[in-house]
Amino acid sequence: MPKGLLIVESRPADPARVDEYNDWYANTHMPEVCAVPGFVAARRYRVRDESGGDRYIAVYDIDSDDLTAPLRDLRARSGDGRARAAAFVSMDPPPVVTLCELVDEVAVN
């Protein structure tokens, strides 16, 4: 079964709403994504750089025969209201979404 990562870079639409953004991401959005078959784990990181802006990376582990199937299911859930978007996520610029397929793996003892 192929393994993959969905990597999403996003930021709050308004720096004053960073707490709402983080609360929604941790307590609503990541659980909704992980409820989709094929998504098996989620982690979030704050980008640490010189720009000083609030940027975040969400990394979702995917385990599915077809790596695009969980994404199609997530889009369908967004369309019918089972996964909710938030007004405090910046759409200018929009989130950057990257789907990665596992090619090689090395285990460290």
N, C-alpha and C. Protein backbone atom coordinates (compact mmCIF):
# COMPACT_ATOMS: atom_id res chain seq x y z
N MET A 1 0.84 -1.17 0.00
CA MET A 1 0.00 0.00 0.00
C MET A 1 0.89 1.24 0.00
N PRO A 2 0.73 2.14 -0.98
CA PRO A 2 1.57 3.33 -1.02
C PRO A 2 1.36 4.21 0.21
N LYS A 3 2.42 4.84 0.59
CA LYS A 3 2.35 5.81 1.68
C LYS A 3 2.64 7.17 1.09
N GLY A 4 2.00 8.17 1.65
CA GLY A 4 2.23 9.52 1.16
C GLY A 4 2.07 10.54 2.25
N LEU A 5 2.36 11.75 1.89
CA LEU A 5 2.18 12.90 2.77
C LEU A 5 1.39 13.95 2.02
N LEU A 6 0.48 14.57 2.72
CA LEU A 6 -0.15 15.78 2.23
C LEU A 6 0.42 16.90 3.09
N ILE A 7 1.05 17.87 2.45
CA ILE A 7 1.68 18.98 3.15
C ILE A 7 0.93 20.25 2.78
N VAL A 8 0.46 20.97 3.80
CA VAL A 8 -0.32 22.18 3.57
C VAL A 8 0.32 23.34 4.33
N GLU A 9 0.71 24.38 3.60
CA GLU A 9 1.22 25.59 4.24
C GLU A 9 0.12 26.64 4.21
N SER A 10 -0.19 27.18 5.38
CA SER A 10 -1.22 28.21 5.46
C SER A 10 -0.86 29.22 6.54
N ARG A 11 -1.69 30.24 6.63
CA ARG A 11 -1.47 31.29 7.63
C ARG A 11 -2.82 31.89 7.99
N PRO A 12 -2.89 32.52 9.17
CA PRO A 12 -4.13 33.22 9.53
C PRO A 12 -4.36 34.41 8.60
N ALA A 13 -5.62 34.68 8.30
CA ALA A 13 -5.96 35.82 7.46
C ALA A 13 -5.66 37.14 8.16
N ASP A 14 -5.74 37.12 9.49
CA ASP A 14 -5.53 38.33 10.30
C ASP A 14 -4.67 37.94 11.50
N PRO A 15 -3.53 38.58 11.68
CA PRO A 15 -2.68 38.23 12.83
C PRO A 15 -3.41 38.31 14.17
N ALA A 16 -4.43 39.14 14.25
CA ALA A 16 -5.19 39.26 15.50
C ALA A 16 -6.04 38.02 15.78
N ARG A 17 -6.20 37.16 14.76
CA ARG A 17 -7.04 35.96 14.91
C ARG A 17 -6.22 34.68 14.97
N VAL A 18 -4.93 34.79 15.28
CA VAL A 18 -4.06 33.62 15.28
C VAL A 18 -4.54 32.58 16.30
N ASP A 19 -5.06 33.00 17.44
CA ASP A 19 -5.54 32.04 18.43
C ASP A 19 -6.74 31.27 17.91
N GLU A 20 -7.67 31.95 17.24
CA GLU A 20 -8.84 31.28 16.64
C GLU A 20 -8.39 30.31 15.55
N TYR A 21 -7.46 30.76 14.73
CA TYR A 21 -6.91 29.93 13.65
C TYR A 21 -6.31 28.65 14.23
N ASN A 22 -5.46 28.78 15.25
CA ASN A 22 -4.82 27.61 15.85
C ASN A 22 -5.83 26.70 16.53
N ASP A 23 -6.82 27.27 17.20
CA ASP A 23 -7.85 26.46 17.85
C ASP A 23 -8.66 25.67 16.82
N TRP A 24 -9.08 26.34 15.75
CA TRP A 24 -9.84 25.67 14.69
C TRP A 24 -9.00 24.56 14.06
N TYR A 25 -7.74 24.85 13.77
CA TYR A 25 -6.89 23.86 13.11
C TYR A 25 -6.73 22.62 13.99
N ALA A 26 -6.41 22.83 15.27
CA ALA A 26 -6.13 21.70 16.17
C ALA A 26 -7.38 20.94 16.57
N ASN A 27 -8.48 21.64 16.81
CA ASN A 27 -9.65 21.00 17.40
C ASN A 27 -10.79 20.71 16.44
N THR A 28 -10.73 21.29 15.24
CA THR A 28 -11.77 21.04 14.24
C THR A 28 -11.19 20.44 12.98
N HIS A 29 -10.28 21.17 12.35
CA HIS A 29 -9.83 20.79 11.01
C HIS A 29 -9.03 19.48 10.98
N MET A 30 -8.01 19.37 11.81
CA MET A 30 -7.21 18.13 11.77
C MET A 30 -8.05 16.91 12.11
N PRO A 31 -8.94 16.94 13.12
CA PRO A 31 -9.79 15.78 13.36
C PRO A 31 -10.72 15.47 12.18
N GLU A 32 -11.24 16.51 11.50
CA GLU A 32 -12.09 16.27 10.33
C GLU A 32 -11.29 15.60 9.21
N VAL A 33 -10.07 16.06 8.98
CA VAL A 33 -9.24 15.44 7.94
C VAL A 33 -8.91 14.00 8.31
N CYS A 34 -8.54 13.77 9.55
CA CYS A 34 -8.15 12.42 9.98
C CYS A 34 -9.34 11.46 10.05
N ALA A 35 -10.56 11.98 9.97
CA ALA A 35 -11.75 11.12 9.90
C ALA A 35 -11.94 10.53 8.51
N VAL A 36 -11.23 11.06 7.52
CA VAL A 36 -11.32 10.57 6.14
C VAL A 36 -10.48 9.30 6.02
N PRO A 37 -11.07 8.20 5.52
CA PRO A 37 -10.29 6.97 5.34
C PRO A 37 -9.05 7.23 4.48
N GLY A 38 -7.92 6.73 4.94
CA GLY A 38 -6.65 6.92 4.24
C GLY A 38 -5.74 7.89 4.97
N PHE A 39 -6.31 8.88 5.65
CA PHE A 39 -5.50 9.78 6.47
C PHE A 39 -5.29 9.09 7.81
N VAL A 40 -4.03 8.90 8.20
CA VAL A 40 -3.75 8.11 9.41
C VAL A 40 -3.08 8.91 10.53
N ALA A 41 -2.61 10.11 10.26
CA ALA A 41 -1.99 10.93 11.30
C ALA A 41 -1.86 12.36 10.79
N ALA A 42 -1.72 13.29 11.74
CA ALA A 42 -1.54 14.69 11.38
C ALA A 42 -0.62 15.36 12.40
N ARG A 43 0.20 16.28 11.89
CA ARG A 43 1.08 17.07 12.74
C ARG A 43 1.09 18.49 12.18
N ARG A 44 1.32 19.46 13.06
CA ARG A 44 1.45 20.85 12.60
C ARG A 44 2.72 21.46 13.15
N TYR A 45 3.27 22.36 12.36
CA TYR A 45 4.51 23.04 12.72
C TYR A 45 4.34 24.54 12.45
N ARG A 46 4.96 25.36 13.28
CA ARG A 46 5.04 26.79 12.99
C ARG A 46 6.37 27.00 12.27
N VAL A 47 6.35 27.74 11.17
CA VAL A 47 7.56 28.03 10.41
C VAL A 47 8.36 29.07 11.19
N ARG A 48 9.61 28.76 11.41
CA ARG A 48 10.51 29.68 12.14
C ARG A 48 11.47 30.29 11.12
N ASP A 49 11.26 31.56 10.80
CA ASP A 49 12.15 32.23 9.86
C ASP A 49 12.24 33.70 10.20
N GLU A 50 12.96 34.43 9.39
CA GLU A 50 13.23 35.84 9.63
C GLU A 50 12.04 36.74 9.29
N SER A 51 11.03 36.24 8.58
CA SER A 51 9.93 37.10 8.13
C SER A 51 9.07 37.59 9.28
N GLY A 52 9.01 36.82 10.36
CA GLY A 52 8.23 37.23 11.51
C GLY A 52 6.74 37.01 11.38
N GLY A 53 6.26 36.53 10.25
CA GLY A 53 4.83 36.26 10.07
C GLY A 53 4.44 34.91 10.64
N ASP A 54 3.16 34.74 10.87
CA ASP A 54 2.65 33.46 11.35
C ASP A 54 2.34 32.56 10.16
N ARG A 55 3.24 31.61 9.89
CA ARG A 55 3.02 30.61 8.85
C ARG A 55 3.10 29.24 9.50
N TYR A 56 2.26 28.34 9.03
CA TYR A 56 2.18 27.01 9.60
C TYR A 56 2.21 25.96 8.50
N ILE A 57 2.76 24.80 8.85
CA ILE A 57 2.78 23.65 7.95
C ILE A 57 2.02 22.53 8.65
N ALA A 58 1.04 21.97 7.96
CA ALA A 58 0.34 20.78 8.44
C ALA A 58 0.82 19.61 7.58
N VAL A 59 1.15 18.50 8.24
CA VAL A 59 1.63 17.30 7.54
C VAL A 59 0.68 16.17 7.89
N TYR A 60 0.04 15.62 6.87
CA TYR A 60 -0.90 14.52 7.05
C TYR A 60 -0.31 13.26 6.43
N ASP A 61 -0.26 12.18 7.20
CA ASP A 61 0.19 10.89 6.68
C ASP A 61 -0.98 10.20 6.00
N ILE A 62 -0.72 9.67 4.81
CA ILE A 62 -1.73 8.97 4.03
C ILE A 62 -1.28 7.55 3.80
N ASP A 63 -2.18 6.61 4.00
CA ASP A 63 -1.92 5.20 3.72
C ASP A 63 -3.12 4.68 2.94
N SER A 64 -2.97 4.57 1.61
CA SER A 64 -4.08 4.23 0.74
C SER A 64 -3.53 3.63 -0.56
N ASP A 65 -4.30 2.72 -1.16
CA ASP A 65 -3.90 2.16 -2.46
C ASP A 65 -3.84 3.25 -3.53
N ASP A 66 -4.71 4.24 -3.42
CA ASP A 66 -4.76 5.36 -4.35
C ASP A 66 -4.59 6.63 -3.51
N LEU A 67 -3.44 7.26 -3.59
CA LEU A 67 -3.17 8.44 -2.74
C LEU A 67 -4.12 9.60 -3.01
N THR A 68 -4.73 9.65 -4.19
CA THR A 68 -5.64 10.75 -4.47
C THR A 68 -7.05 10.49 -3.95
N ALA A 69 -7.39 9.25 -3.62
CA ALA A 69 -8.74 8.93 -3.13
C ALA A 69 -9.08 9.66 -1.83
N PRO A 70 -8.19 9.70 -0.83
CA PRO A 70 -8.52 10.46 0.38
C PRO A 70 -8.73 11.95 0.10
N LEU A 71 -7.99 12.50 -0.87
CA LEU A 71 -8.17 13.92 -1.22
C LEU A 71 -9.52 14.15 -1.86
N ARG A 72 -9.94 13.24 -2.74
CA ARG A 72 -11.27 13.37 -3.35
C ARG A 72 -12.35 13.29 -2.28
N ASP A 73 -12.19 12.37 -1.33
CA ASP A 73 -13.16 12.23 -0.25
C ASP A 73 -13.18 13.50 0.60
N LEU A 74 -12.03 14.07 0.90
CA LEU A 74 -11.97 15.30 1.69
C LEU A 74 -12.66 16.44 0.95
N ARG A 75 -12.45 16.56 -0.36
CA ARG A 75 -13.14 17.60 -1.14
C ARG A 75 -14.65 17.40 -1.09
N ALA A 76 -15.10 16.15 -1.20
CA ALA A 76 -16.54 15.87 -1.13
C ALA A 76 -17.09 16.26 0.23
N ARG A 77 -16.36 15.97 1.29
CA ARG A 77 -16.79 16.34 2.64
C ARG A 77 -16.83 17.85 2.81
N SER A 78 -15.89 18.55 2.19
CA SER A 78 -15.91 20.02 2.24
C SER A 78 -17.13 20.56 1.51
N GLY A 79 -17.48 19.91 0.41
CA GLY A 79 -18.63 20.35 -0.37
C GLY A 79 -19.96 20.12 0.30
N ASP A 80 -20.07 19.05 1.11
CA ASP A 80 -21.36 18.75 1.75
C ASP A 80 -21.43 19.17 3.21
N GLY A 81 -20.39 19.87 3.70
CA GLY A 81 -20.43 20.42 5.04
C GLY A 81 -19.86 19.55 6.15
N ARG A 82 -19.37 18.34 5.82
CA ARG A 82 -18.78 17.49 6.87
C ARG A 82 -17.39 17.95 7.27
N ALA A 83 -16.75 18.76 6.43
CA ALA A 83 -15.46 19.39 6.76
C ALA A 83 -15.65 20.88 6.50
N ARG A 84 -15.40 21.69 7.50
CA ARG A 84 -15.70 23.11 7.43
C ARG A 84 -14.45 23.96 7.23
N ALA A 85 -14.54 24.89 6.30
CA ALA A 85 -13.47 25.86 6.11
C ALA A 85 -13.63 26.96 7.15
N ALA A 86 -12.61 27.72 7.36
CA ALA A 86 -12.65 28.80 8.34
C ALA A 86 -12.33 30.13 7.67
N ALA A 87 -13.09 31.15 8.02
CA ALA A 87 -12.90 32.48 7.44
C ALA A 87 -11.58 33.10 7.86
N PHE A 88 -10.97 32.59 8.93
CA PHE A 88 -9.73 33.21 9.39
C PHE A 88 -8.48 32.56 8.83
N VAL A 89 -8.63 31.68 7.80
CA VAL A 89 -7.48 31.14 7.07
C VAL A 89 -7.25 32.03 5.85
N SER A 90 -6.03 32.50 5.67
CA SER A 90 -5.72 33.41 4.57
C SER A 90 -5.94 32.74 3.22
N MET A 91 -6.60 33.48 2.32
CA MET A 91 -6.74 33.05 0.93
C MET A 91 -5.93 33.97 0.02
N ASP A 92 -5.17 34.88 0.64
CA ASP A 92 -4.31 35.79 -0.12
C ASP A 92 -2.99 35.94 0.63
N PRO A 93 -2.03 35.08 0.41
CA PRO A 93 -2.04 34.00 -0.56
C PRO A 93 -2.82 32.80 -0.04
N PRO A 94 -3.31 31.97 -0.97
CA PRO A 94 -4.04 30.78 -0.55
C PRO A 94 -3.09 29.73 0.03
N PRO A 95 -3.63 28.77 0.77
CA PRO A 95 -2.78 27.67 1.26
C PRO A 95 -2.09 26.96 0.10
N VAL A 96 -0.88 26.50 0.34
CA VAL A 96 -0.11 25.73 -0.64
C VAL A 96 -0.25 24.27 -0.26
N VAL A 97 -0.77 23.46 -1.17
CA VAL A 97 -1.04 22.04 -0.91
C VAL A 97 -0.15 21.21 -1.80
N THR A 98 0.60 20.26 -1.19
CA THR A 98 1.50 19.39 -1.94
C THR A 98 1.25 17.95 -1.53
N LEU A 99 1.00 17.08 -2.50
CA LEU A 99 0.85 15.65 -2.26
C LEU A 99 2.15 14.96 -2.63
N CYS A 100 2.71 14.17 -1.69
CA CYS A 100 3.98 13.50 -1.91
C CYS A 100 3.78 12.00 -1.78
N GLU A 101 4.39 11.24 -2.67
CA GLU A 101 4.36 9.77 -2.62
C GLU A 101 5.71 9.27 -2.12
N LEU A 102 5.67 8.34 -1.18
CA LEU A 102 6.89 7.74 -0.63
C LEU A 102 7.63 6.99 -1.73
N VAL A 103 8.92 7.28 -1.86
CA VAL A 103 9.78 6.62 -2.84
C VAL A 103 10.75 5.68 -2.15
N ASP A 104 11.42 6.14 -1.11
CA ASP A 104 12.40 5.36 -0.36
C ASP A 104 12.20 5.59 1.12
N GLU A 105 12.68 4.63 1.89
CA GLU A 105 12.58 4.76 3.35
C GLU A 105 13.79 4.05 3.98
N VAL A 106 14.37 4.68 4.96
CA VAL A 106 15.48 4.10 5.71
C VAL A 106 15.10 4.11 7.18
N ALA A 107 15.20 2.98 7.82
CA ALA A 107 14.93 2.90 9.25
C ALA A 107 16.23 3.05 10.02
N VAL A 108 16.17 3.84 11.09
CA VAL A 108 17.34 4.05 11.94
C VAL A 108 17.12 3.27 13.21
N ASN A 109 18.12 2.47 13.57
CA ASN A 109 17.99 1.65 14.78
C ASN A 109 18.22 2.44 16.02
